[in-house]
Amino acid sequence: MDEYLELLADLSVPTEDYDPIDRYNDFRKVFLETDQGRRVLRQILGWGHILKSHLVGMPRPIDPYTILSLEGERNLALHIFSVMLVEPKKRPDKQATVSKEE
């Protein structure tokens, strides 16, 4: 258990050094370059209920707390999927921008 907690402590990613293009490339490498990565991605998308509605087969009356929980799962899966789908636009260099005053 201690090894697991140490691993979790090391997982923090400094957001100021992690560019959107790096995130895009990392996610694509992890999830799309190997069969294992594609299987894991399919599992995550399945857990996120990407391909089916939450409401199909849900017993009535509908529990709003269950819906909120399922929407949270769906949101995370969609976020992972969207990071891989849309390549971020490159920002112009600060030196390349021209101010209106010039």
PDB file of N, CA and C in Angstrom:
ATOM      1  N   MET A   1       0.820  -1.197   0.000  1.00  0.00           N
ATOM      2  CA  MET A   1       0.000   0.000   0.000  1.00  0.00           C
ATOM      3  C   MET A   1       0.860   1.255   0.000  1.00  0.00           C
ATOM      4  N   ASP A   2       1.981   1.227   0.728  1.00  0.00           N
ATOM      5  CA  ASP A   2       2.867   2.389   0.780  1.00  0.00           C
ATOM      6  C   ASP A   2       3.444   2.712  -0.596  1.00  0.00           C
ATOM      7  N   GLU A   3       3.766   1.666  -1.374  1.00  0.00           N
ATOM      8  CA  GLU A   3       4.297   1.893  -2.720  1.00  0.00           C
ATOM      9  C   GLU A   3       3.256   2.585  -3.593  1.00  0.00           C
ATOM     10  N   TYR A   4       2.012   2.193  -3.433  1.00  0.00           N
ATOM     11  CA  TYR A   4       0.920   2.798  -4.200  1.00  0.00           C
ATOM     12  C   TYR A   4       0.768   4.273  -3.846  1.00  0.00           C
ATOM     13  N   LEU A   5       0.824   4.589  -2.562  1.00  0.00           N
ATOM     14  CA  LEU A   5       0.706   5.983  -2.135  1.00  0.00           C
ATOM     15  C   LEU A   5       1.891   6.823  -2.612  1.00  0.00           C
ATOM     16  N   GLU A   6       3.086   6.235  -2.618  1.00  0.00           N
ATOM     17  CA  GLU A   6       4.255   6.948  -3.131  1.00  0.00           C
ATOM     18  C   GLU A   6       4.100   7.222  -4.624  1.00  0.00           C
ATOM     19  N   LEU A   7       3.568   6.252  -5.352  1.00  0.00           N
ATOM     20  CA  LEU A   7       3.327   6.435  -6.781  1.00  0.00           C
ATOM     21  C   LEU A   7       2.341   7.571  -7.016  1.00  0.00           C
ATOM     22  N   LEU A   8       1.279   7.612  -6.235  1.00  0.00           N
ATOM     23  CA  LEU A   8       0.300   8.689  -6.369  1.00  0.00           C
ATOM     24  C   LEU A   8       0.915  10.048  -6.063  1.00  0.00           C
ATOM     25  N   ALA A   9       1.800  10.101  -5.090  1.00  0.00           N
ATOM     26  CA  ALA A   9       2.440  11.369  -4.739  1.00  0.00           C
ATOM     27  C   ALA A   9       3.333  11.872  -5.868  1.00  0.00           C
ATOM     28  N   ASP A  10       3.906  10.954  -6.649  1.00  0.00           N
ATOM     29  CA  ASP A  10       4.793  11.335  -7.750  1.00  0.00           C
ATOM     30  C   ASP A  10       4.041  11.695  -9.024  1.00  0.00           C
ATOM     31  N   LEU A  11       2.726  11.557  -9.043  1.00  0.00           N
ATOM     32  CA  LEU A  11       1.959  11.772 -10.265  1.00  0.00           C
ATOM     33  C   LEU A  11       1.629  13.224 -10.557  1.00  0.00           C
ATOM     34  N   SER A  12       1.949  14.110  -9.663  1.00  0.00           N
ATOM     35  CA  SER A  12       1.598  15.507  -9.910  1.00  0.00           C
ATOM     36  C   SER A  12       2.388  16.032 -11.106  1.00  0.00           C
ATOM     37  N   VAL A  13       1.669  16.688 -12.014  1.00  0.00           N
ATOM     38  CA  VAL A  13       2.277  17.235 -13.223  1.00  0.00           C
ATOM     39  C   VAL A  13       2.301  18.747 -13.094  1.00  0.00           C
ATOM     40  N   PRO A  14       3.464  19.357 -13.211  1.00  0.00           N
ATOM     41  CA  PRO A  14       3.494  20.822 -13.148  1.00  0.00           C
ATOM     42  C   PRO A  14       2.804  21.407 -14.377  1.00  0.00           C
ATOM     43  N   THR A  15       1.691  22.068 -14.172  1.00  0.00           N
ATOM     44  CA  THR A  15       0.895  22.561 -15.294  1.00  0.00           C
ATOM     45  C   THR A  15       1.594  23.672 -16.062  1.00  0.00           C
ATOM     46  N   GLU A  16       2.465  24.422 -15.421  1.00  0.00           N
ATOM     47  CA  GLU A  16       3.116  25.520 -16.134  1.00  0.00           C
ATOM     48  C   GLU A  16       4.124  25.013 -17.165  1.00  0.00           C
ATOM     49  N   ASP A  17       4.639  23.807 -16.992  1.00  0.00           N
ATOM     50  CA  ASP A  17       5.617  23.251 -17.931  1.00  0.00           C
ATOM     51  C   ASP A  17       5.000  22.241 -18.893  1.00  0.00           C
ATOM     52  N   TYR A  18       3.722  21.997 -18.789  1.00  0.00           N
ATOM     53  CA  TYR A  18       3.075  20.957 -19.593  1.00  0.00           C
ATOM     54  C   TYR A  18       2.187  21.628 -20.636  1.00  0.00           C
ATOM     55  N   ASP A  19       2.749  21.840 -21.810  1.00  0.00           N
ATOM     56  CA  ASP A  19       2.037  22.524 -22.884  1.00  0.00           C
ATOM     57  C   ASP A  19       0.918  21.658 -23.447  1.00  0.00           C
ATOM     58  N   PRO A  20      -0.116  22.269 -24.005  1.00  0.00           N
ATOM     59  CA  PRO A  20      -1.203  21.505 -24.630  1.00  0.00           C
ATOM     60  C   PRO A  20      -0.714  20.575 -25.741  1.00  0.00           C
ATOM     61  N   ILE A  21       0.289  20.988 -26.505  1.00  0.00           N
ATOM     62  CA  ILE A  21       0.792  20.119 -27.575  1.00  0.00           C
ATOM     63  C   ILE A  21       1.506  18.904 -26.990  1.00  0.00           C
ATOM     64  N   ASP A  22       2.190  19.082 -25.846  1.00  0.00           N
ATOM     65  CA  ASP A  22       2.822  17.942 -25.173  1.00  0.00           C
ATOM     66  C   ASP A  22       1.763  16.975 -24.662  1.00  0.00           C
ATOM     67  N   ARG A  23       0.696  17.517 -24.082  1.00  0.00           N
ATOM     68  CA  ARG A  23      -0.406  16.687 -23.590  1.00  0.00           C
ATOM     69  C   ARG A  23      -1.020  15.895 -24.745  1.00  0.00           C
ATOM     70  N   TYR A  24      -1.281  16.583 -25.853  1.00  0.00           N
ATOM     71  CA  TYR A  24      -1.850  15.948 -27.044  1.00  0.00           C
ATOM     72  C   TYR A  24      -0.961  14.793 -27.507  1.00  0.00           C
ATOM     73  N   ASN A  25       0.335  15.044 -27.647  1.00  0.00           N
ATOM     74  CA  ASN A  25       1.268  14.007 -28.102  1.00  0.00           C
ATOM     75  C   ASN A  25       1.374  12.863 -27.106  1.00  0.00           C
ATOM     76  N   ASP A  26       1.413  13.176 -25.811  1.00  0.00           N
ATOM     77  CA  ASP A  26       1.504  12.133 -24.783  1.00  0.00           C
ATOM     78  C   ASP A  26       0.281  11.222 -24.804  1.00  0.00           C
ATOM     79  N   PHE A  27      -0.902  11.816 -24.851  1.00  0.00           N
ATOM     80  CA  PHE A  27      -2.128  11.020 -24.844  1.00  0.00           C
ATOM     81  C   PHE A  27      -2.207  10.138 -26.086  1.00  0.00           C
ATOM     82  N   ARG A  28      -1.855  10.673 -27.244  1.00  0.00           N
ATOM     83  CA  ARG A  28      -1.896   9.885 -28.477  1.00  0.00           C
ATOM     84  C   ARG A  28      -0.890   8.741 -28.411  1.00  0.00           C
ATOM     85  N   LYS A  29       0.283   9.012 -27.867  1.00  0.00           N
ATOM     86  CA  LYS A  29       1.295   7.964 -27.758  1.00  0.00           C
ATOM     87  C   LYS A  29       0.826   6.851 -26.818  1.00  0.00           C
ATOM     88  N   VAL A  30       0.292   7.237 -25.673  1.00  0.00           N
ATOM     89  CA  VAL A  30      -0.135   6.252 -24.677  1.00  0.00           C
ATOM     90  C   VAL A  30      -1.320   5.422 -25.172  1.00  0.00           C
ATOM     91  N   PHE A  31      -2.323   6.077 -25.761  1.00  0.00           N
ATOM     92  CA  PHE A  31      -3.568   5.385 -26.075  1.00  0.00           C
ATOM     93  C   PHE A  31      -3.665   4.844 -27.498  1.00  0.00           C
ATOM     94  N   LEU A  32      -2.873   5.338 -28.441  1.00  0.00           N
ATOM     95  CA  LEU A  32      -3.081   4.945 -29.833  1.00  0.00           C
ATOM     96  C   LEU A  32      -1.933   4.167 -30.460  1.00  0.00           C
ATOM     97  N   GLU A  33      -0.771   4.132 -29.840  1.00  0.00           N
ATOM     98  CA  GLU A  33       0.373   3.495 -30.488  1.00  0.00           C
ATOM     99  C   GLU A  33       0.507   2.004 -30.214  1.00  0.00           C
ATOM    100  N   THR A  34      -0.214   1.489 -29.234  1.00  0.00           N
ATOM    101  CA  THR A  34      -0.116   0.053 -28.938  1.00  0.00           C
ATOM    102  C   THR A  34      -1.509  -0.546 -28.806  1.00  0.00           C
ATOM    103  N   ASP A  35      -1.569  -1.864 -28.969  1.00  0.00           N
ATOM    104  CA  ASP A  35      -2.848  -2.559 -28.771  1.00  0.00           C
ATOM    105  C   ASP A  35      -3.334  -2.392 -27.334  1.00  0.00           C
ATOM    106  N   GLN A  36      -2.408  -2.458 -26.378  1.00  0.00           N
ATOM    107  CA  GLN A  36      -2.784  -2.295 -24.977  1.00  0.00           C
ATOM    108  C   GLN A  36      -3.374  -0.912 -24.736  1.00  0.00           C
ATOM    109  N   GLY A  37      -2.767   0.109 -25.300  1.00  0.00           N
ATOM    110  CA  GLY A  37      -3.276   1.469 -25.134  1.00  0.00           C
ATOM    111  C   GLY A  37      -4.668   1.626 -25.713  1.00  0.00           C
ATOM    112  N   ARG A  38      -4.900   1.030 -26.895  1.00  0.00           N
ATOM    113  CA  ARG A  38      -6.232   1.113 -27.510  1.00  0.00           C
ATOM    114  C   ARG A  38      -7.267   0.364 -26.678  1.00  0.00           C
ATOM    115  N   ARG A  39      -6.868  -0.781 -26.102  1.00  0.00           N
ATOM    116  CA  ARG A  39      -7.803  -1.518 -25.240  1.00  0.00           C
ATOM    117  C   ARG A  39      -8.152  -0.707 -23.995  1.00  0.00           C
ATOM    118  N   VAL A  40      -7.148  -0.077 -23.396  1.00  0.00           N
ATOM    119  CA  VAL A  40      -7.394   0.747 -22.205  1.00  0.00           C
ATOM    120  C   VAL A  40      -8.296   1.922 -22.563  1.00  0.00           C
ATOM    121  N   LEU A  41      -8.053   2.565 -23.697  1.00  0.00           N
ATOM    122  CA  LEU A  41      -8.899   3.676 -24.126  1.00  0.00           C
ATOM    123  C   LEU A  41     -10.338   3.214 -24.336  1.00  0.00           C
ATOM    124  N   ARG A  42     -10.524   2.068 -24.989  1.00  0.00           N
ATOM    125  CA  ARG A  42     -11.886   1.536 -25.175  1.00  0.00           C
ATOM    126  C   ARG A  42     -12.560   1.288 -23.832  1.00  0.00           C
ATOM    127  N   GLN A  43     -11.799   0.776 -22.865  1.00  0.00           N
ATOM    128  CA  GLN A  43     -12.366   0.526 -21.543  1.00  0.00           C
ATOM    129  C   GLN A  43     -12.767   1.832 -20.871  1.00  0.00           C
ATOM    130  N   ILE A  44     -11.909   2.845 -20.942  1.00  0.00           N
ATOM    131  CA  ILE A  44     -12.224   4.149 -20.342  1.00  0.00           C
ATOM    132  C   ILE A  44     -13.462   4.744 -20.994  1.00  0.00           C
ATOM    133  N   LEU A  45     -13.537   4.687 -22.325  1.00  0.00           N
ATOM    134  CA  LEU A  45     -14.710   5.221 -23.025  1.00  0.00           C
ATOM    135  C   LEU A  45     -15.962   4.419 -22.675  1.00  0.00           C
ATOM    136  N   GLY A  46     -15.813   3.122 -22.458  1.00  0.00           N
ATOM    137  CA  GLY A  46     -16.948   2.303 -22.020  1.00  0.00           C
ATOM    138  C   GLY A  46     -17.407   2.683 -20.625  1.00  0.00           C
ATOM    139  N   TRP A  47     -16.457   2.864 -19.721  1.00  0.00           N
ATOM    140  CA  TRP A  47     -16.811   3.297 -18.363  1.00  0.00           C
ATOM    141  C   TRP A  47     -17.477   4.660 -18.378  1.00  0.00           C
ATOM    142  N   GLY A  48     -17.110   5.480 -19.367  1.00  0.00           N
ATOM    143  CA  GLY A  48     -17.678   6.818 -19.476  1.00  0.00           C
ATOM    144  C   GLY A  48     -18.994   6.859 -20.222  1.00  0.00           C
ATOM    145  N   HIS A  49     -19.487   5.701 -20.628  1.00  0.00           N
ATOM    146  CA  HIS A  49     -20.798   5.613 -21.290  1.00  0.00           C
ATOM    147  C   HIS A  49     -20.857   6.509 -22.522  1.00  0.00           C
ATOM    148  N   ILE A  50     -19.780   6.530 -23.292  1.00  0.00           N
ATOM    149  CA  ILE A  50     -19.706   7.401 -24.460  1.00  0.00           C
ATOM    150  C   ILE A  50     -20.672   6.945 -25.548  1.00  0.00           C
ATOM    151  N   LEU A  51     -20.829   5.659 -25.711  1.00  0.00           N
ATOM    152  CA  LEU A  51     -21.614   5.144 -26.833  1.00  0.00           C
ATOM    153  C   LEU A  51     -23.069   4.852 -26.503  1.00  0.00           C
ATOM    154  N   LYS A  52     -23.470   5.053 -25.268  1.00  0.00           N
ATOM    155  CA  LYS A  52     -24.876   4.823 -24.932  1.00  0.00           C
ATOM    156  C   LYS A  52     -25.329   5.820 -23.875  1.00  0.00           C
ATOM    157  N   SER A  53     -26.598   6.057 -23.856  1.00  0.00           N
ATOM    158  CA  SER A  53     -27.161   7.003 -22.897  1.00  0.00           C
ATOM    159  C   SER A  53     -27.216   6.376 -21.510  1.00  0.00           C
ATOM    160  N   HIS A  54     -27.088   7.211 -20.505  1.00  0.00           N
ATOM    161  CA  HIS A  54     -27.230   6.738 -19.127  1.00  0.00           C
ATOM    162  C   HIS A  54     -28.654   6.276 -18.858  1.00  0.00           C
ATOM    163  N   LEU A  55     -29.582   6.891 -19.508  1.00  0.00           N
ATOM    164  CA  LEU A  55     -30.985   6.664 -19.173  1.00  0.00           C
ATOM    165  C   LEU A  55     -31.536   5.354 -19.724  1.00  0.00           C
ATOM    166  N   VAL A  56     -30.852   4.767 -20.703  1.00  0.00           N
ATOM    167  CA  VAL A  56     -31.324   3.507 -21.273  1.00  0.00           C
ATOM    168  C   VAL A  56     -31.178   2.405 -20.226  1.00  0.00           C
ATOM    169  N   GLY A  57     -32.258   1.773 -19.916  1.00  0.00           N
ATOM    170  CA  GLY A  57     -32.246   0.671 -18.960  1.00  0.00           C
ATOM    171  C   GLY A  57     -32.152   1.087 -17.505  1.00  0.00           C
ATOM    172  N   MET A  58     -32.186   2.369 -17.226  1.00  0.00           N
ATOM    173  CA  MET A  58     -32.113   2.819 -15.839  1.00  0.00           C
ATOM    174  C   MET A  58     -33.478   2.635 -15.182  1.00  0.00           C
ATOM    175  N   PRO A  59     -33.498   2.063 -13.992  1.00  0.00           N
ATOM    176  CA  PRO A  59     -34.790   1.875 -13.315  1.00  0.00           C
ATOM    177  C   PRO A  59     -35.449   3.213 -13.002  1.00  0.00           C
ATOM    178  N   ARG A  60     -36.753   3.197 -13.026  1.00  0.00           N
ATOM    179  CA  ARG A  60     -37.538   4.399 -12.722  1.00  0.00           C
ATOM    180  C   ARG A  60     -38.008   4.319 -11.286  1.00  0.00           C
ATOM    181  N   PRO A  61     -38.137   5.340 -10.542  1.00  0.00           N
ATOM    182  CA  PRO A  61     -37.812   6.722 -10.874  1.00  0.00           C
ATOM    183  C   PRO A  61     -36.300   6.909 -10.961  1.00  0.00           C
ATOM    184  N   ILE A  62     -35.896   7.895 -11.726  1.00  0.00           N
ATOM    185  CA  ILE A  62     -34.480   8.161 -11.956  1.00  0.00           C
ATOM    186  C   ILE A  62     -33.897   8.889 -10.745  1.00  0.00           C
ATOM    187  N   ASP A  63     -32.780   8.368 -10.270  1.00  0.00           N
ATOM    188  CA  ASP A  63     -32.086   8.968  -9.127  1.00  0.00           C
ATOM    189  C   ASP A  63     -31.151  10.073  -9.628  1.00  0.00           C
ATOM    190  N   PRO A  64     -31.366  11.317  -9.217  1.00  0.00           N
ATOM    191  CA  PRO A  64     -30.521  12.411  -9.721  1.00  0.00           C
ATOM    192  C   PRO A  64     -29.056  12.276  -9.306  1.00  0.00           C
ATOM    193  N   TYR A  65     -28.778  11.663  -8.166  1.00  0.00           N
ATOM    194  CA  TYR A  65     -27.398  11.502  -7.722  1.00  0.00           C
ATOM    195  C   TYR A  65     -26.663  10.490  -8.595  1.00  0.00           C
ATOM    196  N   THR A  66     -27.376   9.463  -9.009  1.00  0.00           N
ATOM    197  CA  THR A  66     -26.785   8.488  -9.923  1.00  0.00           C
ATOM    198  C   THR A  66     -26.473   9.142 -11.259  1.00  0.00           C
ATOM    199  N   ILE A  67     -27.399   9.951 -11.751  1.00  0.00           N
ATOM    200  CA  ILE A  67     -27.183  10.651 -13.018  1.00  0.00           C
ATOM    201  C   ILE A  67     -25.960  11.567 -12.918  1.00  0.00           C
ATOM    202  N   LEU A  68     -25.828  12.290 -11.818  1.00  0.00           N
ATOM    203  CA  LEU A  68     -24.671  13.174 -11.643  1.00  0.00           C
ATOM    204  C   LEU A  68     -23.361  12.386 -11.614  1.00  0.00           C
ATOM    205  N   SER A  69     -23.369  11.246 -10.963  1.00  0.00           N
ATOM    206  CA  SER A  69     -22.180  10.407 -10.917  1.00  0.00           C
ATOM    207  C   SER A  69     -21.819   9.901 -12.313  1.00  0.00           C
ATOM    208  N   LEU A  70     -22.818   9.434 -13.046  1.00  0.00           N
ATOM    209  CA  LEU A  70     -22.583   8.946 -14.403  1.00  0.00           C
ATOM    210  C   LEU A  70     -22.111  10.067 -15.327  1.00  0.00           C
ATOM    211  N   GLU A  71     -22.646  11.251 -15.148  1.00  0.00           N
ATOM    212  CA  GLU A  71     -22.218  12.394 -15.961  1.00  0.00           C
ATOM    213  C   GLU A  71     -20.768  12.764 -15.663  1.00  0.00           C
ATOM    214  N   GLY A  72     -20.349  12.606 -14.414  1.00  0.00           N
ATOM    215  CA  GLY A  72     -18.947  12.846 -14.074  1.00  0.00           C
ATOM    216  C   GLY A  72     -18.029  11.858 -14.777  1.00  0.00           C
ATOM    217  N   GLU A  73     -18.426  10.576 -14.804  1.00  0.00           N
ATOM    218  CA  GLU A  73     -17.654   9.565 -15.520  1.00  0.00           C
ATOM    219  C   GLU A  73     -17.594   9.904 -17.008  1.00  0.00           C
ATOM    220  N   ARG A  74     -18.721  10.288 -17.556  1.00  0.00           N
ATOM    221  CA  ARG A  74     -18.797  10.629 -18.978  1.00  0.00           C
ATOM    222  C   ARG A  74     -17.921  11.850 -19.290  1.00  0.00           C
ATOM    223  N   ASN A  75     -17.957  12.843 -18.421  1.00  0.00           N
ATOM    224  CA  ASN A  75     -17.173  14.054 -18.630  1.00  0.00           C
ATOM    225  C   ASN A  75     -15.678  13.748 -18.671  1.00  0.00           C
ATOM    226  N   LEU A  76     -15.212  12.899 -17.771  1.00  0.00           N
ATOM    227  CA  LEU A  76     -13.795  12.552 -17.753  1.00  0.00           C
ATOM    228  C   LEU A  76     -13.405  11.800 -19.024  1.00  0.00           C
ATOM    229  N   ALA A  77     -14.220  10.833 -19.436  1.00  0.00           N
ATOM    230  CA  ALA A  77     -13.928  10.079 -20.659  1.00  0.00           C
ATOM    231  C   ALA A  77     -13.927  10.999 -21.879  1.00  0.00           C
ATOM    232  N   LEU A  78     -14.884  11.920 -21.948  1.00  0.00           N
ATOM    233  CA  LEU A  78     -14.925  12.865 -23.067  1.00  0.00           C
ATOM    234  C   LEU A  78     -13.707  13.785 -23.065  1.00  0.00           C
ATOM    235  N   HIS A  79     -13.270  14.170 -21.885  1.00  0.00           N
ATOM    236  CA  HIS A  79     -12.096  15.044 -21.793  1.00  0.00           C
ATOM    237  C   HIS A  79     -10.851  14.318 -22.308  1.00  0.00           C
ATOM    238  N   ILE A  80     -10.658  13.078 -21.905  1.00  0.00           N
ATOM    239  CA  ILE A  80      -9.526  12.286 -22.385  1.00  0.00           C
ATOM    240  C   ILE A  80      -9.597  12.148 -23.901  1.00  0.00           C
ATOM    241  N   PHE A  81     -10.778  11.829 -24.404  1.00  0.00           N
ATOM    242  CA  PHE A  81     -10.963  11.639 -25.841  1.00  0.00           C
ATOM    243  C   PHE A  81     -10.714  12.937 -26.605  1.00  0.00           C
ATOM    244  N   SER A  82     -11.184  14.047 -26.076  1.00  0.00           N
ATOM    245  CA  SER A  82     -11.027  15.322 -26.784  1.00  0.00           C
ATOM    246  C   SER A  82      -9.574  15.785 -26.810  1.00  0.00           C
ATOM    247  N   VAL A  83      -8.799  15.461 -25.784  1.00  0.00           N
ATOM    248  CA  VAL A  83      -7.381  15.828 -25.780  1.00  0.00           C
ATOM    249  C   VAL A  83      -6.665  15.144 -26.941  1.00  0.00           C
ATOM    250  N   MET A  84      -7.055  13.917 -27.255  1.00  0.00           N
ATOM    251  CA  MET A  84      -6.412  13.181 -28.340  1.00  0.00           C
ATOM    252  C   MET A  84      -6.935  13.574 -29.711  1.00  0.00           C
ATOM    253  N   LEU A  85      -8.162  14.029 -29.789  1.00  0.00           N
ATOM    254  CA  LEU A  85      -8.781  14.322 -31.080  1.00  0.00           C
ATOM    255  C   LEU A  85      -8.368  15.655 -31.678  1.00  0.00           C
ATOM    256  N   VAL A  86      -8.231  16.653 -30.858  1.00  0.00           N
ATOM    257  CA  VAL A  86      -8.034  18.016 -31.353  1.00  0.00           C
ATOM    258  C   VAL A  86      -6.608  18.471 -31.060  1.00  0.00           C
ATOM    259  N   GLU A  87      -5.834  18.628 -32.123  1.00  0.00           N
ATOM    260  CA  GLU A  87      -4.469  19.121 -31.943  1.00  0.00           C
ATOM    261  C   GLU A  87      -4.517  20.602 -31.599  1.00  0.00           C
ATOM    262  N   PRO A  88      -3.888  20.988 -30.497  1.00  0.00           N
ATOM    263  CA  PRO A  88      -3.940  22.399 -30.103  1.00  0.00           C
ATOM    264  C   PRO A  88      -3.211  23.282 -31.106  1.00  0.00           C
ATOM    265  N   LYS A  89      -3.717  24.489 -31.244  1.00  0.00           N
ATOM    266  CA  LYS A  89      -3.070  25.457 -32.127  1.00  0.00           C
ATOM    267  C   LYS A  89      -1.813  25.972 -31.446  1.00  0.00           C
ATOM    268  N   LYS A  90      -0.807  26.202 -32.251  1.00  0.00           N
ATOM    269  CA  LYS A  90       0.440  26.729 -31.701  1.00  0.00           C
ATOM    270  C   LYS A  90       0.269  28.211 -31.419  1.00  0.00           C
ATOM    271  N   ARG A  91       0.752  28.625 -30.268  1.00  0.00           N
ATOM    272  CA  ARG A  91       0.702  30.042 -29.911  1.00  0.00           C
ATOM    273  C   ARG A  91       1.858  30.772 -30.583  1.00  0.00           C
ATOM    274  N   PRO A  92       1.620  31.982 -31.027  1.00  0.00           N
ATOM    275  CA  PRO A  92       2.736  32.739 -31.606  1.00  0.00           C
ATOM    276  C   PRO A  92       3.744  33.104 -30.521  1.00  0.00           C
ATOM    277  N   ASP A  93       4.979  33.221 -30.934  1.00  0.00           N
ATOM    278  CA  ASP A  93       6.016  33.648 -29.996  1.00  0.00           C
ATOM    279  C   ASP A  93       5.747  35.078 -29.562  1.00  0.00           C
ATOM    280  N   LYS A  94       6.159  35.401 -28.361  1.00  0.00           N
ATOM    281  CA  LYS A  94       5.972  36.769 -27.867  1.00  0.00           C
ATOM    282  C   LYS A  94       6.727  37.768 -28.740  1.00  0.00           C
ATOM    283  N   GLN A  95       7.873  37.366 -29.252  1.00  0.00           N
ATOM    284  CA  GLN A  95       8.668  38.265 -30.077  1.00  0.00           C
ATOM    285  C   GLN A  95       8.021  38.493 -31.439  1.00  0.00           C
ATOM    286  N   ALA A  96       7.243  37.521 -31.908  1.00  0.00           N
ATOM    287  CA  ALA A  96       6.643  37.615 -33.234  1.00  0.00           C
ATOM    288  C   ALA A  96       5.409  38.503 -33.243  1.00  0.00           C
ATOM    289  N   THR A  97       4.835  38.777 -32.084  1.00  0.00           N
ATOM    290  CA  THR A  97       3.641  39.615 -32.049  1.00  0.00           C
ATOM    291  C   THR A  97       4.026  41.080 -32.149  1.00  0.00           C
ATOM    292  N   VAL A  98       3.196  41.828 -32.810  1.00  0.00           N
ATOM    293  CA  VAL A  98       3.456  43.254 -33.000  1.00  0.00           C
ATOM    294  C   VAL A  98       2.405  44.030 -32.227  1.00  0.00           C
ATOM    295  N   SER A  99       2.842  44.975 -31.451  1.00  0.00           N
ATOM    296  CA  SER A  99       1.884  45.770 -30.687  1.00  0.00           C
ATOM    297  C   SER A  99       1.261  46.822 -31.585  1.00  0.00           C
ATOM    298  N   LYS A 100       0.102  47.323 -31.207  1.00  0.00           N
ATOM    299  CA  LYS A 100      -0.609  48.332 -31.991  1.00  0.00           C
ATOM    300  C   LYS A 100       0.101  49.679 -31.960  1.00  0.00           C
ATOM    301  N   GLU A 101       0.935  49.879 -30.972  1.00  0.00           N
ATOM    302  CA  GLU A 101       1.624  51.157 -30.826  1.00  0.00           C
ATOM    303  C   GLU A 101       2.711  51.355 -31.871  1.00  0.00           C
ATOM    304  N   GLU A 102       3.252  50.267 -32.418  1.00  0.00           N
ATOM    305  CA  GLU A 102       4.360  50.380 -33.382  1.00  0.00           C
ATOM    306  C   GLU A 102       3.892  50.791 -34.738  1.00  0.00           C
TER     307      GLU A 102
END
